[in-house]
Amino acid sequence: MLRKMLWGGEGFTLTELLVTLMITGVLVGSTAAIFQDFLVQTQALGDEMERRTVETAIKAYIALDVLGGNGSLPAREAPAVIESGDEDAPFAVYLQGLPTRCRYAWTLDGLVTQECPEVE
């Protein structure tokens, strides 16, 4: 029976197999492009949330510590990653998940600028 199926003309031709492989390749390629776009959008949203979190931490530090007379906020002109124990970022105590993915600079009044690496 196997011999009849293999040699008896029942089965797939080379052309049918190649067409099936080509269709599969197109589907995989389009799925990969959609997935890449999804990753870029997700990372952009994550970067925006990180910026908002840093802004909120700076505002909390200004409200609770600087205005209370317990500290000062030094301006950072050159963007850099915020890490634990960062002397330029005394508000880092209000942040979780350090170091940050993006680099930040800020002014004395709490205006924040963000520079993030490209998503690959």
N, C-alpha and C. Protein backbone atom coordinates (compact mmCIF):
# COMPACT_ATOMS: atom_id res chain seq x y z
N MET A 1 0.82 -1.19 0.00
CA MET A 1 0.00 0.00 0.00
C MET A 1 0.87 1.26 0.00
N LEU A 2 1.92 1.26 0.84
CA LEU A 2 2.84 2.38 0.87
C LEU A 2 3.50 2.56 -0.48
N ARG A 3 3.89 1.45 -1.07
CA ARG A 3 4.52 1.50 -2.38
C ARG A 3 3.54 2.07 -3.41
N LYS A 4 2.28 1.68 -3.32
CA LYS A 4 1.28 2.17 -4.26
C LYS A 4 1.07 3.67 -4.09
N MET A 5 1.07 4.13 -2.80
CA MET A 5 0.86 5.55 -2.55
C MET A 5 2.06 6.37 -3.02
N LEU A 6 3.25 5.87 -2.78
CA LEU A 6 4.44 6.62 -3.16
C LEU A 6 4.66 6.61 -4.68
N TRP A 7 4.45 5.51 -5.27
CA TRP A 7 4.76 5.38 -6.69
C TRP A 7 3.53 5.33 -7.58
N GLY A 8 2.38 5.29 -6.98
CA GLY A 8 1.18 5.12 -7.78
C GLY A 8 0.52 6.43 -8.18
N GLY A 9 1.18 7.53 -8.02
CA GLY A 9 0.61 8.80 -8.43
C GLY A 9 -0.24 9.47 -7.37
N GLU A 10 -0.39 8.83 -6.22
CA GLU A 10 -1.14 9.47 -5.14
C GLU A 10 -0.14 10.15 -4.21
N GLY A 11 -0.33 11.40 -3.96
CA GLY A 11 0.59 12.15 -3.12
C GLY A 11 0.73 13.56 -3.66
N PHE A 12 1.62 14.31 -3.11
CA PHE A 12 1.81 15.70 -3.51
C PHE A 12 2.90 15.80 -4.55
N THR A 13 2.68 16.71 -5.48
CA THR A 13 3.72 16.95 -6.48
C THR A 13 4.70 17.96 -5.91
N LEU A 14 5.83 18.08 -6.54
CA LEU A 14 6.84 19.04 -6.12
C LEU A 14 6.29 20.46 -6.19
N THR A 15 5.51 20.75 -7.18
CA THR A 15 4.92 22.09 -7.34
C THR A 15 3.99 22.39 -6.17
N GLU A 16 3.16 21.46 -5.76
CA GLU A 16 2.26 21.67 -4.64
C GLU A 16 3.03 21.91 -3.34
N LEU A 17 4.08 21.17 -3.14
CA LEU A 17 4.90 21.36 -1.94
C LEU A 17 5.58 22.73 -1.94
N LEU A 18 6.09 23.15 -3.10
CA LEU A 18 6.75 24.46 -3.18
C LEU A 18 5.75 25.60 -2.95
N VAL A 19 4.56 25.48 -3.51
CA VAL A 19 3.54 26.51 -3.29
C VAL A 19 3.17 26.58 -1.81
N THR A 20 3.03 25.44 -1.18
CA THR A 20 2.72 25.40 0.26
C THR A 20 3.84 26.06 1.07
N LEU A 21 5.07 25.78 0.74
CA LEU A 21 6.20 26.41 1.44
C LEU A 21 6.24 27.91 1.22
N MET A 22 5.93 28.35 0.01
CA MET A 22 5.93 29.80 -0.28
C MET A 22 4.83 30.50 0.51
N ILE A 23 3.64 29.92 0.57
CA ILE A 23 2.55 30.52 1.33
C ILE A 23 2.90 30.57 2.81
N THR A 24 3.48 29.51 3.32
CA THR A 24 3.91 29.49 4.73
C THR A 24 4.95 30.57 5.00
N GLY A 25 5.89 30.73 4.09
CA GLY A 25 6.92 31.77 4.24
C GLY A 25 6.33 33.17 4.27
N VAL A 26 5.36 33.44 3.40
CA VAL A 26 4.71 34.75 3.38
C VAL A 26 3.97 35.00 4.69
N LEU A 27 3.27 34.01 5.18
CA LEU A 27 2.55 34.15 6.44
C LEU A 27 3.49 34.40 7.61
N VAL A 28 4.58 33.68 7.68
CA VAL A 28 5.55 33.87 8.75
C VAL A 28 6.18 35.26 8.65
N GLY A 29 6.52 35.68 7.44
CA GLY A 29 7.12 37.01 7.26
C GLY A 29 6.19 38.14 7.67
N SER A 30 4.92 38.05 7.31
CA SER A 30 3.98 39.11 7.69
C SER A 30 3.72 39.10 9.19
N THR A 31 3.69 37.94 9.79
CA THR A 31 3.50 37.85 11.24
C THR A 31 4.69 38.46 11.98
N ALA A 32 5.88 38.23 11.49
CA ALA A 32 7.08 38.80 12.13
C ALA A 32 7.06 40.32 12.06
N ALA A 33 6.63 40.89 10.94
CA ALA A 33 6.56 42.35 10.81
C ALA A 33 5.53 42.94 11.77
N ILE A 34 4.39 42.30 11.88
CA ILE A 34 3.36 42.77 12.81
C ILE A 34 3.87 42.69 14.25
N PHE A 35 4.54 41.61 14.59
CA PHE A 35 5.08 41.44 15.93
C PHE A 35 6.13 42.50 16.25
N GLN A 36 6.98 42.84 15.29
CA GLN A 36 8.00 43.87 15.48
C GLN A 36 7.34 45.23 15.74
N ASP A 37 6.29 45.56 14.98
CA ASP A 37 5.56 46.80 15.22
C ASP A 37 4.96 46.83 16.61
N PHE A 38 4.43 45.71 17.05
CA PHE A 38 3.86 45.60 18.39
C PHE A 38 4.93 45.85 19.45
N LEU A 39 6.12 45.29 19.26
CA LEU A 39 7.21 45.50 20.22
C LEU A 39 7.62 46.97 20.30
N VAL A 40 7.69 47.63 19.16
CA VAL A 40 8.08 49.05 19.14
C VAL A 40 7.04 49.88 19.85
N GLN A 41 5.75 49.63 19.59
CA GLN A 41 4.70 50.39 20.24
C GLN A 41 4.69 50.15 21.75
N THR A 42 4.88 48.92 22.15
CA THR A 42 4.91 48.58 23.57
C THR A 42 6.08 49.26 24.27
N GLN A 43 7.24 49.28 23.63
CA GLN A 43 8.41 49.93 24.24
C GLN A 43 8.19 51.43 24.34
N ALA A 44 7.56 52.04 23.34
CA ALA A 44 7.28 53.48 23.39
C ALA A 44 6.34 53.80 24.55
N LEU A 45 5.34 52.97 24.76
CA LEU A 45 4.44 53.18 25.90
C LEU A 45 5.18 53.01 27.22
N GLY A 46 6.05 52.03 27.30
CA GLY A 46 6.84 51.82 28.51
C GLY A 46 7.75 53.01 28.80
N ASP A 47 8.36 53.56 27.75
CA ASP A 47 9.23 54.74 27.94
C ASP A 47 8.43 55.94 28.42
N GLU A 48 7.23 56.12 27.89
CA GLU A 48 6.38 57.22 28.32
C GLU A 48 5.99 57.05 29.79
N MET A 49 5.67 55.84 30.19
CA MET A 49 5.32 55.59 31.59
C MET A 49 6.52 55.83 32.51
N GLU A 50 7.71 55.46 32.05
CA GLU A 50 8.91 55.69 32.86
C GLU A 50 9.15 57.19 33.02
N ARG A 51 8.95 57.98 31.95
CA ARG A 51 9.12 59.43 32.04
C ARG A 51 8.13 60.03 33.03
N ARG A 52 6.88 59.59 32.97
CA ARG A 52 5.87 60.10 33.91
C ARG A 52 6.22 59.73 35.35
N THR A 53 6.76 58.55 35.55
CA THR A 53 7.15 58.11 36.88
C THR A 53 8.29 58.98 37.42
N VAL A 54 9.26 59.29 36.57
CA VAL A 54 10.38 60.15 36.98
C VAL A 54 9.85 61.55 37.30
N GLU A 55 8.96 62.08 36.47
CA GLU A 55 8.38 63.40 36.75
C GLU A 55 7.64 63.41 38.08
N THR A 56 6.87 62.36 38.35
CA THR A 56 6.13 62.27 39.61
C THR A 56 7.09 62.18 40.80
N ALA A 57 8.18 61.43 40.65
CA ALA A 57 9.16 61.32 41.73
C ALA A 57 9.81 62.67 42.01
N ILE A 58 10.11 63.41 40.95
CA ILE A 58 10.70 64.75 41.14
C ILE A 58 9.71 65.66 41.84
N LYS A 59 8.46 65.65 41.41
CA LYS A 59 7.44 66.50 42.05
C LYS A 59 7.24 66.11 43.51
N ALA A 60 7.25 64.82 43.80
CA ALA A 60 7.11 64.38 45.19
C ALA A 60 8.31 64.84 46.02
N TYR A 61 9.50 64.73 45.46
CA TYR A 61 10.70 65.15 46.18
C TYR A 61 10.66 66.65 46.45
N ILE A 62 10.26 67.43 45.44
CA ILE A 62 10.17 68.89 45.63
C ILE A 62 9.14 69.21 46.71
N ALA A 63 7.97 68.58 46.64
CA ALA A 63 6.90 68.88 47.59
C ALA A 63 7.24 68.42 49.00
N LEU A 64 7.81 67.23 49.14
CA LEU A 64 8.02 66.68 50.48
C LEU A 64 9.36 67.05 51.09
N ASP A 65 10.40 67.14 50.28
CA ASP A 65 11.73 67.34 50.83
C ASP A 65 12.25 68.77 50.63
N VAL A 66 12.20 69.25 49.40
CA VAL A 66 12.77 70.58 49.12
C VAL A 66 11.96 71.67 49.82
N LEU A 67 10.64 71.65 49.64
CA LEU A 67 9.81 72.68 50.27
C LEU A 67 9.75 72.51 51.78
N GLY A 68 10.00 71.30 52.26
CA GLY A 68 10.04 71.05 53.70
C GLY A 68 11.38 71.40 54.32
N GLY A 69 12.32 71.84 53.51
CA GLY A 69 13.63 72.24 54.01
C GLY A 69 14.58 71.09 54.26
N ASN A 70 14.30 69.92 53.71
CA ASN A 70 15.13 68.74 53.97
C ASN A 70 16.05 68.37 52.81
N GLY A 71 16.18 69.20 51.82
CA GLY A 71 17.05 68.85 50.71
C GLY A 71 16.95 69.86 49.59
N SER A 72 17.68 69.61 48.54
CA SER A 72 17.63 70.47 47.36
C SER A 72 17.68 69.58 46.12
N LEU A 73 17.21 70.12 45.02
CA LEU A 73 17.20 69.39 43.76
C LEU A 73 18.23 70.01 42.82
N PRO A 74 19.39 69.37 42.65
CA PRO A 74 20.36 69.90 41.70
C PRO A 74 19.89 69.62 40.27
N ALA A 75 20.07 70.59 39.41
CA ALA A 75 19.70 70.40 38.00
C ALA A 75 20.71 69.46 37.34
N ARG A 76 20.24 68.67 36.39
CA ARG A 76 21.11 67.80 35.61
C ARG A 76 20.94 68.22 34.15
N GLU A 77 21.99 68.81 33.59
CA GLU A 77 21.90 69.30 32.22
C GLU A 77 22.20 68.22 31.19
N ALA A 78 23.14 67.33 31.49
CA ALA A 78 23.49 66.25 30.56
C ALA A 78 22.67 65.01 30.91
N PRO A 79 21.87 64.50 29.98
CA PRO A 79 21.04 63.33 30.28
C PRO A 79 21.88 62.13 30.69
N ALA A 80 21.40 61.41 31.70
CA ALA A 80 22.08 60.21 32.18
C ALA A 80 21.04 59.26 32.78
N VAL A 81 21.41 58.01 32.86
CA VAL A 81 20.55 57.00 33.48
C VAL A 81 20.49 57.27 34.98
N ILE A 82 19.31 57.10 35.56
CA ILE A 82 19.15 57.28 37.00
C ILE A 82 19.38 55.93 37.67
N GLU A 83 20.30 55.91 38.64
CA GLU A 83 20.64 54.68 39.34
C GLU A 83 20.42 54.86 40.83
N SER A 84 20.41 53.76 41.56
CA SER A 84 20.30 53.83 43.02
C SER A 84 21.51 54.57 43.58
N GLY A 85 21.29 55.44 44.53
CA GLY A 85 22.38 56.18 45.16
C GLY A 85 22.95 57.29 44.29
N ASP A 86 22.26 57.65 43.22
CA ASP A 86 22.70 58.71 42.32
C ASP A 86 22.65 60.05 43.06
N GLU A 87 23.80 60.68 43.25
CA GLU A 87 23.85 61.93 44.00
C GLU A 87 23.15 63.08 43.27
N ASP A 88 23.11 63.03 41.94
CA ASP A 88 22.40 64.06 41.18
C ASP A 88 20.89 63.86 41.23
N ALA A 89 20.44 62.69 41.64
CA ALA A 89 19.01 62.37 41.66
C ALA A 89 18.58 61.93 43.06
N PRO A 90 18.50 62.88 44.00
CA PRO A 90 18.11 62.49 45.36
C PRO A 90 16.68 61.98 45.44
N PHE A 91 15.88 62.25 44.41
CA PHE A 91 14.50 61.77 44.38
C PHE A 91 14.41 60.29 44.00
N ALA A 92 15.54 59.65 43.71
CA ALA A 92 15.55 58.24 43.31
C ALA A 92 14.97 57.33 44.39
N VAL A 93 14.91 57.82 45.63
CA VAL A 93 14.30 57.02 46.70
C VAL A 93 12.82 56.80 46.43
N TYR A 94 12.21 57.64 45.59
CA TYR A 94 10.80 57.50 45.25
C TYR A 94 10.60 56.64 44.00
N LEU A 95 11.66 56.10 43.44
CA LEU A 95 11.57 55.29 42.23
C LEU A 95 11.84 53.82 42.54
N GLN A 96 11.17 52.94 41.80
CA GLN A 96 11.45 51.51 41.87
C GLN A 96 11.96 51.09 40.50
N GLY A 97 12.67 50.00 40.44
CA GLY A 97 13.12 49.47 39.16
C GLY A 97 14.30 50.22 38.58
N LEU A 98 15.23 50.63 39.43
CA LEU A 98 16.42 51.32 38.95
C LEU A 98 17.47 50.31 38.54
N PRO A 99 18.32 50.60 37.59
CA PRO A 99 18.44 51.84 36.84
C PRO A 99 17.36 51.96 35.78
N THR A 100 17.13 53.19 35.35
CA THR A 100 16.14 53.45 34.31
C THR A 100 16.67 53.00 32.96
N ARG A 101 15.78 52.71 32.02
CA ARG A 101 16.17 52.33 30.67
C ARG A 101 16.62 53.56 29.88
N CYS A 102 15.92 54.67 30.09
CA CYS A 102 16.21 55.90 29.36
C CYS A 102 17.13 56.81 30.18
N ARG A 103 17.65 57.82 29.49
CA ARG A 103 18.50 58.82 30.15
C ARG A 103 17.67 60.08 30.36
N TYR A 104 17.90 60.74 31.51
CA TYR A 104 17.09 61.89 31.88
C TYR A 104 17.95 63.09 32.26
N ALA A 105 17.40 64.26 31.98
CA ALA A 105 17.93 65.53 32.47
C ALA A 105 16.74 66.30 33.04
N TRP A 106 16.99 67.23 33.98
CA TRP A 106 15.90 68.00 34.55
C TRP A 106 16.41 69.35 34.99
N THR A 107 15.46 70.26 35.14
CA THR A 107 15.77 71.61 35.58
C THR A 107 15.42 71.73 37.07
N LEU A 108 15.75 72.86 37.65
CA LEU A 108 15.47 73.09 39.07
C LEU A 108 13.98 73.10 39.38
N ASP A 109 13.16 73.48 38.40
CA ASP A 109 11.72 73.50 38.64
C ASP A 109 11.04 72.17 38.30
N GLY A 110 11.80 71.16 37.93
CA GLY A 110 11.25 69.83 37.71
C GLY A 110 10.90 69.47 36.28
N LEU A 111 11.29 70.30 35.31
CA LEU A 111 11.04 69.99 33.90
C LEU A 111 11.97 68.86 33.47
N VAL A 112 11.41 67.77 32.95
CA VAL A 112 12.18 66.57 32.63
C VAL A 112 12.29 66.39 31.12
N THR A 113 13.50 66.05 30.66
CA THR A 113 13.70 65.64 29.27
C THR A 113 14.22 64.21 29.27
N GLN A 114 13.84 63.47 28.24
CA GLN A 114 14.12 62.04 28.18
C GLN A 114 14.79 61.69 26.86
N GLU A 115 15.81 60.82 26.91
CA GLU A 115 16.44 60.25 25.73
C GLU A 115 16.46 58.74 25.89
N CYS A 116 15.82 58.04 24.98
CA CYS A 116 15.74 56.57 25.08
C CYS A 116 16.48 55.91 23.92
N PRO A 117 17.09 54.75 24.17
CA PRO A 117 17.73 54.02 23.08
C PRO A 117 16.68 53.47 22.12
N GLU A 118 17.08 53.29 20.88
CA GLU A 118 16.19 52.76 19.86
C GLU A 118 15.84 51.30 20.15
N VAL A 119 14.65 50.91 19.78
CA VAL A 119 14.22 49.52 19.90
C VAL A 119 14.68 48.79 18.64
N GLU A 120 15.30 47.63 18.82
CA GLU A 120 15.79 46.87 17.66
C GLU A 120 14.83 45.78 17.28
